[in-house]
Amino acid sequence: MEDIVLLVELKLHPGKRAAYVARARRHRERVLANEADCRRFDVLIPEDCADTVHLCEVYADHAAFERHLQTPYMKAYMADTAPMIAERKRVMCRLANET
């Protein structure tokens, strides 16, 4: 079974990036501490876009991602960050590094 990768591009409301990144880092710590099937979770800050953040998350499979969505800390993260986010774009990918 191939890992799946979630790529998220977040356009934040002006001036909200520092607060969003701080909250995303706390969320990342909880995910990595509690979800063995989350193989990687990165918070990425583009150098040339002041109000944009990217997330890159790798899960063992779709079921692991679905379990992630149901955790209390994911629901809290979504509620806490919703007022900061102007636009969210998600792309689900298959990790194809292995032959």
PDB file of N, CA and C in Angstrom:
ATOM      1  N   MET A   1       0.840  -1.183   0.000  1.00  0.00           N
ATOM      2  CA  MET A   1       0.000   0.000   0.000  1.00  0.00           C
ATOM      3  C   MET A   1       0.886   1.248   0.000  1.00  0.00           C
ATOM      4  N   GLU A   2       0.523   2.229  -0.790  1.00  0.00           N
ATOM      5  CA  GLU A   2       1.309   3.453  -0.902  1.00  0.00           C
ATOM      6  C   GLU A   2       0.837   4.499   0.093  1.00  0.00           C
ATOM      7  N   ASP A   3       1.777   5.256   0.609  1.00  0.00           N
ATOM      8  CA  ASP A   3       1.430   6.380   1.466  1.00  0.00           C
ATOM      9  C   ASP A   3       0.665   7.412   0.656  1.00  0.00           C
ATOM     10  N   ILE A   4      -0.157   8.168   1.360  1.00  0.00           N
ATOM     11  CA  ILE A   4      -0.834   9.283   0.707  1.00  0.00           C
ATOM     12  C   ILE A   4      -0.283  10.578   1.286  1.00  0.00           C
ATOM     13  N   VAL A   5      -0.292  11.600   0.463  1.00  0.00           N
ATOM     14  CA  VAL A   5       0.237  12.906   0.854  1.00  0.00           C
ATOM     15  C   VAL A   5      -0.867  13.932   0.662  1.00  0.00           C
ATOM     16  N   LEU A   6      -1.073  14.727   1.697  1.00  0.00           N
ATOM     17  CA  LEU A   6      -2.000  15.839   1.607  1.00  0.00           C
ATOM     18  C   LEU A   6      -1.182  17.115   1.518  1.00  0.00           C
ATOM     19  N   LEU A   7      -1.396  17.854   0.437  1.00  0.00           N
ATOM     20  CA  LEU A   7      -0.771  19.170   0.264  1.00  0.00           C
ATOM     21  C   LEU A   7      -1.863  20.207   0.456  1.00  0.00           C
ATOM     22  N   VAL A   8      -1.608  21.159   1.328  1.00  0.00           N
ATOM     23  CA  VAL A   8      -2.600  22.194   1.609  1.00  0.00           C
ATOM     24  C   VAL A   8      -1.949  23.556   1.395  1.00  0.00           C
ATOM     25  N   GLU A   9      -2.627  24.399   0.635  1.00  0.00           N
ATOM     26  CA  GLU A   9      -2.197  25.791   0.483  1.00  0.00           C
ATOM     27  C   GLU A   9      -3.231  26.656   1.183  1.00  0.00           C
ATOM     28  N   LEU A  10      -2.767  27.457   2.130  1.00  0.00           N
ATOM     29  CA  LEU A  10      -3.653  28.321   2.895  1.00  0.00           C
ATOM     30  C   LEU A  10      -3.336  29.777   2.603  1.00  0.00           C
ATOM     31  N   LYS A  11      -4.336  30.504   2.149  1.00  0.00           N
ATOM     32  CA  LYS A  11      -4.234  31.953   2.000  1.00  0.00           C
ATOM     33  C   LYS A  11      -4.859  32.522   3.265  1.00  0.00           C
ATOM     34  N   LEU A  12      -4.050  33.239   4.032  1.00  0.00           N
ATOM     35  CA  LEU A  12      -4.496  33.756   5.316  1.00  0.00           C
ATOM     36  C   LEU A  12      -4.946  35.205   5.196  1.00  0.00           C
ATOM     37  N   HIS A  13      -5.783  35.610   6.126  1.00  0.00           N
ATOM     38  CA  HIS A  13      -6.156  37.020   6.185  1.00  0.00           C
ATOM     39  C   HIS A  13      -4.908  37.820   6.543  1.00  0.00           C
ATOM     40  N   PRO A  14      -4.777  39.031   6.018  1.00  0.00           N
ATOM     41  CA  PRO A  14      -3.580  39.841   6.282  1.00  0.00           C
ATOM     42  C   PRO A  14      -3.254  39.940   7.776  1.00  0.00           C
ATOM     43  N   GLY A  15      -1.981  39.747   8.074  1.00  0.00           N
ATOM     44  CA  GLY A  15      -1.497  39.872   9.436  1.00  0.00           C
ATOM     45  C   GLY A  15      -1.736  38.667  10.331  1.00  0.00           C
ATOM     46  N   LYS A  16      -2.265  37.576   9.797  1.00  0.00           N
ATOM     47  CA  LYS A  16      -2.604  36.410  10.613  1.00  0.00           C
ATOM     48  C   LYS A  16      -1.575  35.287  10.550  1.00  0.00           C
ATOM     49  N   ARG A  17      -0.523  35.450   9.734  1.00  0.00           N
ATOM     50  CA  ARG A  17       0.397  34.322   9.535  1.00  0.00           C
ATOM     51  C   ARG A  17       1.101  33.887  10.817  1.00  0.00           C
ATOM     52  N   ALA A  18       1.610  34.798  11.610  1.00  0.00           N
ATOM     53  CA  ALA A  18       2.339  34.412  12.828  1.00  0.00           C
ATOM     54  C   ALA A  18       1.433  33.623  13.773  1.00  0.00           C
ATOM     55  N   ALA A  19       0.215  34.083  13.963  1.00  0.00           N
ATOM     56  CA  ALA A  19      -0.726  33.380  14.844  1.00  0.00           C
ATOM     57  C   ALA A  19      -1.089  32.015  14.269  1.00  0.00           C
ATOM     58  N   TYR A  20      -1.306  31.962  12.953  1.00  0.00           N
ATOM     59  CA  TYR A  20      -1.637  30.677  12.335  1.00  0.00           C
ATOM     60  C   TYR A  20      -0.477  29.696  12.487  1.00  0.00           C
ATOM     61  N   VAL A  21       0.729  30.116  12.191  1.00  0.00           N
ATOM     62  CA  VAL A  21       1.894  29.225  12.262  1.00  0.00           C
ATOM     63  C   VAL A  21       2.087  28.706  13.687  1.00  0.00           C
ATOM     64  N   ALA A  22       1.921  29.554  14.677  1.00  0.00           N
ATOM     65  CA  ALA A  22       2.050  29.106  16.070  1.00  0.00           C
ATOM     66  C   ALA A  22       1.022  28.023  16.382  1.00  0.00           C
ATOM     67  N   ARG A  23      -0.212  28.222  15.932  1.00  0.00           N
ATOM     68  CA  ARG A  23      -1.262  27.226  16.186  1.00  0.00           C
ATOM     69  C   ARG A  23      -1.006  25.962  15.386  1.00  0.00           C
ATOM     70  N   ALA A  24      -0.556  26.081  14.156  1.00  0.00           N
ATOM     71  CA  ALA A  24      -0.269  24.910  13.319  1.00  0.00           C
ATOM     72  C   ALA A  24       0.873  24.088  13.906  1.00  0.00           C
ATOM     73  N   ARG A  25       1.864  24.733  14.473  1.00  0.00           N
ATOM     74  CA  ARG A  25       2.975  24.002  15.097  1.00  0.00           C
ATOM     75  C   ARG A  25       2.500  23.191  16.290  1.00  0.00           C
ATOM     76  N   ARG A  26       1.610  23.750  17.109  1.00  0.00           N
ATOM     77  CA  ARG A  26       1.060  22.985  18.242  1.00  0.00           C
ATOM     78  C   ARG A  26       0.253  21.789  17.735  1.00  0.00           C
ATOM     79  N   HIS A  27      -0.512  22.013  16.682  1.00  0.00           N
ATOM     80  CA  HIS A  27      -1.303  20.929  16.092  1.00  0.00           C
ATOM     81  C   HIS A  27      -0.375  19.836  15.557  1.00  0.00           C
ATOM     82  N   ARG A  28       0.661  20.231  14.875  1.00  0.00           N
ATOM     83  CA  ARG A  28       1.645  19.283  14.332  1.00  0.00           C
ATOM     84  C   ARG A  28       2.214  18.406  15.437  1.00  0.00           C
ATOM     85  N   GLU A  29       2.585  19.012  16.550  1.00  0.00           N
ATOM     86  CA  GLU A  29       3.145  18.252  17.671  1.00  0.00           C
ATOM     87  C   GLU A  29       2.159  17.204  18.173  1.00  0.00           C
ATOM     88  N   ARG A  30       0.887  17.576  18.297  1.00  0.00           N
ATOM     89  CA  ARG A  30      -0.131  16.619  18.763  1.00  0.00           C
ATOM     90  C   ARG A  30      -0.312  15.486  17.769  1.00  0.00           C
ATOM     91  N   VAL A  31      -0.374  15.828  16.498  1.00  0.00           N
ATOM     92  CA  VAL A  31      -0.561  14.794  15.474  1.00  0.00           C
ATOM     93  C   VAL A  31       0.593  13.799  15.513  1.00  0.00           C
ATOM     94  N   LEU A  32       1.814  14.284  15.492  1.00  0.00           N
ATOM     95  CA  LEU A  32       2.969  13.388  15.463  1.00  0.00           C
ATOM     96  C   LEU A  32       3.101  12.571  16.751  1.00  0.00           C
ATOM     97  N   ALA A  33       2.671  13.115  17.878  1.00  0.00           N
ATOM     98  CA  ALA A  33       2.745  12.403  19.148  1.00  0.00           C
ATOM     99  C   ALA A  33       1.665  11.330  19.292  1.00  0.00           C
ATOM    100  N   ASN A  34       0.544  11.506  18.588  1.00  0.00           N
ATOM    101  CA  ASN A  34      -0.610  10.626  18.806  1.00  0.00           C
ATOM    102  C   ASN A  34      -1.020   9.755  17.630  1.00  0.00           C
ATOM    103  N   GLU A  35      -0.468   9.995  16.458  1.00  0.00           N
ATOM    104  CA  GLU A  35      -0.906   9.253  15.272  1.00  0.00           C
ATOM    105  C   GLU A  35       0.287   8.558  14.615  1.00  0.00           C
ATOM    106  N   ALA A  36       0.449   7.301  14.940  1.00  0.00           N
ATOM    107  CA  ALA A  36       1.572   6.535  14.388  1.00  0.00           C
ATOM    108  C   ALA A  36       1.505   6.440  12.865  1.00  0.00           C
ATOM    109  N   ASP A  37       0.306   6.511  12.307  1.00  0.00           N
ATOM    110  CA  ASP A  37       0.152   6.416  10.855  1.00  0.00           C
ATOM    111  C   ASP A  37       0.340   7.748  10.135  1.00  0.00           C
ATOM    112  N   CYS A  38       0.655   8.810  10.877  1.00  0.00           N
ATOM    113  CA  CYS A  38       1.070  10.066  10.241  1.00  0.00           C
ATOM    114  C   CYS A  38       2.586  10.015  10.180  1.00  0.00           C
ATOM    115  N   ARG A  39       3.101   9.848   9.006  1.00  0.00           N
ATOM    116  CA  ARG A  39       4.538   9.648   8.813  1.00  0.00           C
ATOM    117  C   ARG A  39       5.325  10.959   8.778  1.00  0.00           C
ATOM    118  N   ARG A  40       4.631  12.039   8.425  1.00  0.00           N
ATOM    119  CA  ARG A  40       5.307  13.336   8.319  1.00  0.00           C
ATOM    120  C   ARG A  40       4.263  14.441   8.331  1.00  0.00           C
ATOM    121  N   PHE A  41       4.627  15.558   8.923  1.00  0.00           N
ATOM    122  CA  PHE A  41       3.725  16.715   8.968  1.00  0.00           C
ATOM    123  C   PHE A  41       4.621  17.944   8.997  1.00  0.00           C
ATOM    124  N   ASP A  42       4.630  18.691   7.905  1.00  0.00           N
ATOM    125  CA  ASP A  42       5.481  19.872   7.790  1.00  0.00           C
ATOM    126  C   ASP A  42       4.632  21.125   7.613  1.00  0.00           C
ATOM    127  N   VAL A  43       5.058  22.184   8.285  1.00  0.00           N
ATOM    128  CA  VAL A  43       4.471  23.509   8.116  1.00  0.00           C
ATOM    129  C   VAL A  43       5.504  24.316   7.326  1.00  0.00           C
ATOM    130  N   LEU A  44       5.111  24.794   6.150  1.00  0.00           N
ATOM    131  CA  LEU A  44       6.033  25.455   5.230  1.00  0.00           C
ATOM    132  C   LEU A  44       5.635  26.911   5.035  1.00  0.00           C
ATOM    133  N   ILE A  45       6.621  27.794   5.129  1.00  0.00           N
ATOM    134  CA  ILE A  45       6.380  29.224   4.979  1.00  0.00           C
ATOM    135  C   ILE A  45       7.084  29.708   3.708  1.00  0.00           C
ATOM    136  N   PRO A  46       6.329  30.074   2.673  1.00  0.00           N
ATOM    137  CA  PRO A  46       6.941  30.581   1.452  1.00  0.00           C
ATOM    138  C   PRO A  46       7.700  31.877   1.717  1.00  0.00           C
ATOM    139  N   GLU A  47       8.802  32.043   1.061  1.00  0.00           N
ATOM    140  CA  GLU A  47       9.617  33.243   1.248  1.00  0.00           C
ATOM    141  C   GLU A  47       9.025  34.469   0.565  1.00  0.00           C
ATOM    142  N   ASP A  48       8.198  34.261  -0.448  1.00  0.00           N
ATOM    143  CA  ASP A  48       7.735  35.395  -1.240  1.00  0.00           C
ATOM    144  C   ASP A  48       6.234  35.675  -1.146  1.00  0.00           C
ATOM    145  N   CYS A  49       5.534  35.047  -0.208  1.00  0.00           N
ATOM    146  CA  CYS A  49       4.086  35.248  -0.057  1.00  0.00           C
ATOM    147  C   CYS A  49       3.768  35.488   1.414  1.00  0.00           C
ATOM    148  N   ALA A  50       3.568  36.731   1.785  1.00  0.00           N
ATOM    149  CA  ALA A  50       3.438  37.105   3.198  1.00  0.00           C
ATOM    150  C   ALA A  50       2.235  36.483   3.896  1.00  0.00           C
ATOM    151  N   ASP A  51       1.183  36.169   3.175  1.00  0.00           N
ATOM    152  CA  ASP A  51      -0.029  35.675   3.813  1.00  0.00           C
ATOM    153  C   ASP A  51      -0.385  34.252   3.383  1.00  0.00           C
ATOM    154  N   THR A  52       0.634  33.458   3.062  1.00  0.00           N
ATOM    155  CA  THR A  52       0.417  32.091   2.620  1.00  0.00           C
ATOM    156  C   THR A  52       1.224  31.127   3.486  1.00  0.00           C
ATOM    157  N   VAL A  53       0.634  29.964   3.757  1.00  0.00           N
ATOM    158  CA  VAL A  53       1.320  28.859   4.441  1.00  0.00           C
ATOM    159  C   VAL A  53       0.940  27.590   3.701  1.00  0.00           C
ATOM    160  N   HIS A  54       1.877  26.653   3.619  1.00  0.00           N
ATOM    161  CA  HIS A  54       1.608  25.349   3.031  1.00  0.00           C
ATOM    162  C   HIS A  54       1.790  24.294   4.110  1.00  0.00           C
ATOM    163  N   LEU A  55       0.984  23.248   4.034  1.00  0.00           N
ATOM    164  CA  LEU A  55       1.145  22.078   4.887  1.00  0.00           C
ATOM    165  C   LEU A  55       1.405  20.882   3.994  1.00  0.00           C
ATOM    166  N   CYS A  56       2.277  20.003   4.445  1.00  0.00           N
ATOM    167  CA  CYS A  56       2.543  18.747   3.741  1.00  0.00           C
ATOM    168  C   CYS A  56       2.443  17.645   4.779  1.00  0.00           C
ATOM    169  N   GLU A  57       1.461  16.772   4.612  1.00  0.00           N
ATOM    170  CA  GLU A  57       1.209  15.697   5.574  1.00  0.00           C
ATOM    171  C   GLU A  57       1.253  14.360   4.845  1.00  0.00           C
ATOM    172  N   VAL A  58       1.908  13.380   5.442  1.00  0.00           N
ATOM    173  CA  VAL A  58       2.002  12.054   4.841  1.00  0.00           C
ATOM    174  C   VAL A  58       1.364  11.050   5.802  1.00  0.00           C
ATOM    175  N   TYR A  59       0.424  10.274   5.279  1.00  0.00           N
ATOM    176  CA  TYR A  59      -0.301   9.267   6.065  1.00  0.00           C
ATOM    177  C   TYR A  59      -0.105   7.889   5.446  1.00  0.00           C
ATOM    178  N   ALA A  60      -0.223   6.864   6.269  1.00  0.00           N
ATOM    179  CA  ALA A  60      -0.027   5.490   5.806  1.00  0.00           C
ATOM    180  C   ALA A  60      -1.043   5.098   4.738  1.00  0.00           C
ATOM    181  N   ASP A  61      -2.249   5.622   4.850  1.00  0.00           N
ATOM    182  CA  ASP A  61      -3.309   5.300   3.888  1.00  0.00           C
ATOM    183  C   ASP A  61      -4.479   6.265   4.108  1.00  0.00           C
ATOM    184  N   HIS A  62      -5.516   6.110   3.294  1.00  0.00           N
ATOM    185  CA  HIS A  62      -6.679   6.996   3.407  1.00  0.00           C
ATOM    186  C   HIS A  62      -7.385   6.818   4.745  1.00  0.00           C
ATOM    187  N   ALA A  63      -7.411   5.595   5.252  1.00  0.00           N
ATOM    188  CA  ALA A  63      -8.066   5.340   6.541  1.00  0.00           C
ATOM    189  C   ALA A  63      -7.365   6.109   7.659  1.00  0.00           C
ATOM    190  N   ALA A  64      -6.047   6.177   7.622  1.00  0.00           N
ATOM    191  CA  ALA A  64      -5.295   6.936   8.633  1.00  0.00           C
ATOM    192  C   ALA A  64      -5.656   8.413   8.555  1.00  0.00           C
ATOM    193  N   PHE A  65      -5.802   8.933   7.357  1.00  0.00           N
ATOM    194  CA  PHE A  65      -6.194  10.332   7.202  1.00  0.00           C
ATOM    195  C   PHE A  65      -7.606  10.561   7.725  1.00  0.00           C
ATOM    196  N   GLU A  66      -8.509   9.646   7.440  1.00  0.00           N
ATOM    197  CA  GLU A  66      -9.888   9.777   7.929  1.00  0.00           C
ATOM    198  C   GLU A  66      -9.932   9.735   9.458  1.00  0.00           C
ATOM    199  N   ARG A  67      -9.115   8.882  10.077  1.00  0.00           N
ATOM    200  CA  ARG A  67      -9.038   8.851  11.545  1.00  0.00           C
ATOM    201  C   ARG A  67      -8.522  10.187  12.078  1.00  0.00           C
ATOM    202  N   HIS A  68      -7.531  10.742  11.388  1.00  0.00           N
ATOM    203  CA  HIS A  68      -6.969  12.039  11.755  1.00  0.00           C
ATOM    204  C   HIS A  68      -8.053  13.115  11.794  1.00  0.00           C
ATOM    205  N   LEU A  69      -8.921  13.109  10.795  1.00  0.00           N
ATOM    206  CA  LEU A  69      -9.972  14.125  10.715  1.00  0.00           C
ATOM    207  C   LEU A  69     -10.944  14.059  11.885  1.00  0.00           C
ATOM    208  N   GLN A  70     -11.074  12.886  12.507  1.00  0.00           N
ATOM    209  CA  GLN A  70     -12.044  12.699  13.589  1.00  0.00           C
ATOM    210  C   GLN A  70     -11.481  12.966  14.980  1.00  0.00           C
ATOM    211  N   THR A  71     -10.196  13.259  15.099  1.00  0.00           N
ATOM    212  CA  THR A  71      -9.612  13.467  16.421  1.00  0.00           C
ATOM    213  C   THR A  71     -10.101  14.788  17.029  1.00  0.00           C
ATOM    214  N   PRO A  72     -10.223  14.831  18.351  1.00  0.00           N
ATOM    215  CA  PRO A  72     -10.660  16.078  18.996  1.00  0.00           C
ATOM    216  C   PRO A  72      -9.708  17.242  18.734  1.00  0.00           C
ATOM    217  N   TYR A  73      -8.399  16.967  18.661  1.00  0.00           N
ATOM    218  CA  TYR A  73      -7.450  18.053  18.431  1.00  0.00           C
ATOM    219  C   TYR A  73      -7.514  18.570  17.002  1.00  0.00           C
ATOM    220  N   MET A  74      -7.899  17.740  16.038  1.00  0.00           N
ATOM    221  CA  MET A  74      -8.091  18.231  14.668  1.00  0.00           C
ATOM    222  C   MET A  74      -9.316  19.138  14.602  1.00  0.00           C
ATOM    223  N   LYS A  75     -10.375  18.735  15.264  1.00  0.00           N
ATOM    224  CA  LYS A  75     -11.584  19.554  15.279  1.00  0.00           C
ATOM    225  C   LYS A  75     -11.313  20.899  15.965  1.00  0.00           C
ATOM    226  N   ALA A  76     -10.544  20.881  17.047  1.00  0.00           N
ATOM    227  CA  ALA A  76     -10.193  22.128  17.747  1.00  0.00           C
ATOM    228  C   ALA A  76      -9.316  23.020  16.863  1.00  0.00           C
ATOM    229  N   TYR A  77      -8.356  22.408  16.180  1.00  0.00           N
ATOM    230  CA  TYR A  77      -7.481  23.162  15.262  1.00  0.00           C
ATOM    231  C   TYR A  77      -8.297  23.838  14.162  1.00  0.00           C
ATOM    232  N   MET A  78      -9.229  23.098  13.572  1.00  0.00           N
ATOM    233  CA  MET A  78     -10.058  23.669  12.498  1.00  0.00           C
ATOM    234  C   MET A  78     -10.889  24.840  13.024  1.00  0.00           C
ATOM    235  N   ALA A  79     -11.463  24.702  14.212  1.00  0.00           N
ATOM    236  CA  ALA A  79     -12.268  25.784  14.784  1.00  0.00           C
ATOM    237  C   ALA A  79     -11.393  26.995  15.124  1.00  0.00           C
ATOM    238  N   ASP A  80     -10.228  26.741  15.701  1.00  0.00           N
ATOM    239  CA  ASP A  80      -9.336  27.837  16.103  1.00  0.00           C
ATOM    240  C   ASP A  80      -8.790  28.617  14.909  1.00  0.00           C
ATOM    241  N   THR A  81      -8.499  27.927  13.820  1.00  0.00           N
ATOM    242  CA  THR A  81      -7.844  28.574  12.682  1.00  0.00           C
ATOM    243  C   THR A  81      -8.815  29.103  11.628  1.00  0.00           C
ATOM    244  N   ALA A  82     -10.059  28.685  11.670  1.00  0.00           N
ATOM    245  CA  ALA A  82     -11.032  29.116  10.647  1.00  0.00           C
ATOM    246  C   ALA A  82     -11.073  30.631  10.464  1.00  0.00           C
ATOM    247  N   PRO A  83     -11.072  31.433  11.544  1.00  0.00           N
ATOM    248  CA  PRO A  83     -11.119  32.889  11.344  1.00  0.00           C
ATOM    249  C   PRO A  83      -9.848  33.468  10.717  1.00  0.00           C
ATOM    250  N   MET A  84      -8.762  32.714  10.706  1.00  0.00           N
ATOM    251  CA  MET A  84      -7.494  33.192  10.152  1.00  0.00           C
ATOM    252  C   MET A  84      -7.379  32.935   8.653  1.00  0.00           C
ATOM    253  N   ILE A  85      -8.165  31.997   8.140  1.00  0.00           N
ATOM    254  CA  ILE A  85      -7.991  31.487   6.782  1.00  0.00           C
ATOM    255  C   ILE A  85      -8.995  32.120   5.822  1.00  0.00           C
ATOM    256  N   ALA A  86      -8.467  32.719   4.758  1.00  0.00           N
ATOM    257  CA  ALA A  86      -9.304  33.293   3.711  1.00  0.00           C
ATOM    258  C   ALA A  86      -9.652  32.244   2.660  1.00  0.00           C
ATOM    259  N   GLU A  87      -8.703  31.345   2.379  1.00  0.00           N
ATOM    260  CA  GLU A  87      -8.899  30.339   1.327  1.00  0.00           C
ATOM    261  C   GLU A  87      -8.034  29.121   1.626  1.00  0.00           C
ATOM    262  N   ARG A  88      -8.590  27.934   1.387  1.00  0.00           N
ATOM    263  CA  ARG A  88      -7.867  26.676   1.605  1.00  0.00           C
ATOM    264  C   ARG A  88      -7.977  25.828   0.335  1.00  0.00           C
ATOM    265  N   LYS A  89      -6.849  25.345  -0.142  1.00  0.00           N
ATOM    266  CA  LYS A  89      -6.824  24.453  -1.300  1.00  0.00           C
ATOM    267  C   LYS A  89      -6.123  23.170  -0.885  1.00  0.00           C
ATOM    268  N   ARG A  90      -6.795  22.045  -1.083  1.00  0.00           N
ATOM    269  CA  ARG A  90      -6.225  20.735  -0.735  1.00  0.00           C
ATOM    270  C   ARG A  90      -6.004  19.906  -1.991  1.00  0.00           C
ATOM    271  N   VAL A  91      -4.872  19.191  -2.006  1.00  0.00           N
ATOM    272  CA  VAL A  91      -4.580  18.248  -3.077  1.00  0.00           C
ATOM    273  C   VAL A  91      -4.122  16.953  -2.423  1.00  0.00           C
ATOM    274  N   MET A  92      -4.827  15.862  -2.689  1.00  0.00           N
ATOM    275  CA  MET A  92      -4.453  14.550  -2.158  1.00  0.00           C
ATOM    276  C   MET A  92      -3.640  13.834  -3.232  1.00  0.00           C
ATOM    277  N   CYS A  93      -2.490  13.291  -2.837  1.00  0.00           N
ATOM    278  CA  CYS A  93      -1.565  12.643  -3.778  1.00  0.00           C
ATOM    279  C   CYS A  93      -1.186  11.253  -3.281  1.00  0.00           C
ATOM    280  N   ARG A  94      -0.740  10.443  -4.185  1.00  0.00           N
ATOM    281  CA  ARG A  94      -0.123   9.161  -3.864  1.00  0.00           C
ATOM    282  C   ARG A  94       1.378   9.372  -3.864  1.00  0.00           C
ATOM    283  N   LEU A  95       2.074   8.874  -2.841  1.00  0.00           N
ATOM    284  CA  LEU A  95       3.529   8.963  -2.827  1.00  0.00           C
ATOM    285  C   LEU A  95       4.074   7.885  -3.748  1.00  0.00           C
ATOM    286  N   ALA A  96       4.817   8.293  -4.768  1.00  0.00           N
ATOM    287  CA  ALA A  96       5.279   7.356  -5.794  1.00  0.00           C
ATOM    288  C   ALA A  96       6.795   7.287  -5.866  1.00  0.00           C
ATOM    289  N   ASN A  97       7.480   7.387  -4.729  1.00  0.00           N
ATOM    290  CA  ASN A  97       8.937   7.325  -4.717  1.00  0.00           C
ATOM    291  C   ASN A  97       9.473   5.924  -4.904  1.00  0.00           C
ATOM    292  N   GLU A  98       8.744   4.943  -4.488  1.00  0.00           N
ATOM    293  CA  GLU A  98       9.188   3.539  -4.555  1.00  0.00           C
ATOM    294  C   GLU A  98       8.841   2.944  -5.924  1.00  0.00           C
ATOM    295  N   THR A  99       9.641   2.000  -6.359  1.00  0.00           N
ATOM    296  CA  THR A  99       9.329   1.324  -7.626  1.00  0.00           C
ATOM    297  C   THR A  99       8.797  -0.046  -7.383  1.00  0.00           C
TER     298      THR A  99
END
